[in-house]
Each structure stands twice: as C-alpha cells, then as structure tokens.
Amino acid sequence: MKLATWNINGIKARIDALPEWLRQAQPDVVVLQEIKSVDDAFPRAPLEDLGYNVETHGQKSFNGVAILSKRPLESVTRGLPGDASDEQARWIEATVTGEAGLLTICGLYQPNGNPAPGPKYDYKLAWMARMEARATALLALEEPIAMLGDYNVIPQPEDVHDPAAWAEDALYRTETRQAYRRLVAQGWTDAIRAVNPVGERFTFWDYQAGAWPRNKGIRIDHILLSPQAADLLGTAVIDKAVRDWEKPSDHVPVWCTLDI
C-alpha cells in the first residue's frame, strides 16, 4: 500500500496539479493539508473520477485536511481530541483495510506557531501536547498506524538549509523540537529518516527569495509509523520534482510503501 501526504496550499489552486500527480504516482491513500475549503465546496468529482473515496474536514479560507483513498474509508473522525473549543480543522482519522490487515490513518496539519513567543506559539505547543496524548492512545491499540501530514516541525539540523537562521522560528525552536522528540520517543518511526538516515531532505521551499532554485528548504512534512506499521515499511520518498511544476504548492508530496 502506498501512503502519501501533501500540503497542497489550496485545493482550488491545485485542482489541476493534484489529479495529475494522482495519475502519475498512483497512491492508495493520500492525506492533504491546507485544503482551504469548506466541506460542501470541496471539488470531489475530479478525484472520485480517478477512483478515490474522499473525506474532508474543512474550514473556510484556512487550514482544512482531507483523506483520499482507493479503498473504503471507515470509522472516520474529525478533530483532535482534548479541546472541544478548538474550531480549527487540523486533524482527521480513518481506517482502511489492506490485503493483509487494517491500517489506521491520521491526517494532520499542526499549527505554524509564529510569531514566537506569543499566543500562536502557545496554541502550537498545546496542540502538540494534545496530539501526544492521542498518539499514546493510538499506540495502545498495538496496530499498524500512520500519522501523516504537515507537522510544521523541523526535527534536526539536517532538515534545514541554515539552522542558525531558523533558531528562533516556531518550527525549529527548542521547545518545538523537544515536543516532537517526546512524540517520536513513544515508539514512532520517521519513515523518511528510517530509509534515508543521513543528508539533507527537504519538503518545503518558500515562494520568496528564490528559495526553490537556491535549494533553501526545510523538512516539515513527516510520516510517523507505529511499530506494527514500521515493520511493514518498504521505501519512503520525497517527490521533490513536483515543486518544479506549473503553479506549485510550496510543499511537495511525501510517500512511503507498507506491505499491508
């Protein structure tokens, strides 16, 4: 099974690129972030025409996540537990049945948190704490689980073109990386680093200051696998070439394969 995550930075802006990438890459399951659309306005037809079941958790003009799956999506839930007052659309869960068993998919879009320090950064850290609690509960199931999405976390120096320049950014601040390490230390495997343990690996290049042609990137889109899913990991790839497409997102797809 091929699993992918892509922050498309607006479904309307990427309504041509997304189906084209789906035709080329042929993922079984894709989680999307920043769809920037309410559920009723999400353009489902071009994706359903390609054989995908579509579930969304949208929000007008901001945020929003979705799951696309060639297999039926079951037990779909929306919203990260732990704060009933949180109206931001950043988390969606579902289960899919593979040829060899069940897989839980969590699609997520963590808060950016800038400017930091400040209220937005406080919200980011609180959201990460809620995610850590949810991840603990999921691991207790002792089943194959994948948490995919835009984490807005740069985990280590190899994941950023200039660590010093990002030292006080919310994506790389010490508190952010500590929260991410606590999450991973529960027993999750970073699919990209499991397959590519050394060297630069970027998933985002800003639109500004020639970041893409100068390769001034960061790695913030991650696939974390439970031990039961990590045992099934095949390959893991950052689809960097998509950043060079016409009207690209500032993120590129990241995908892995699981023998399930």
Foldseek 3Di string as FASTA:
>chain_A
DKEKEEAFQACVLCVPVVLVVCVVVVGQKYKYKFNQDPPVPRPCVSLVVVQWDKDWDHDHRGIIMIMTGNFDWAPKDWDQPDDPPDPHGFWIWTWGADPVGIEIEIEGDQQLQPPPPDDSLVRRLVVLVSVLVVLLVVLVVVAKYKYWYQSLAQQDPLFFPDCVVCDNGSRYDPSNNVSVVSSVVVAKDWQQCVQVVDHHDFFFADPPDCRVVVVRGGHRTTMIIHPNQVVFWDHKDFPSCQCVDPSGDRGTMIMTDGPD
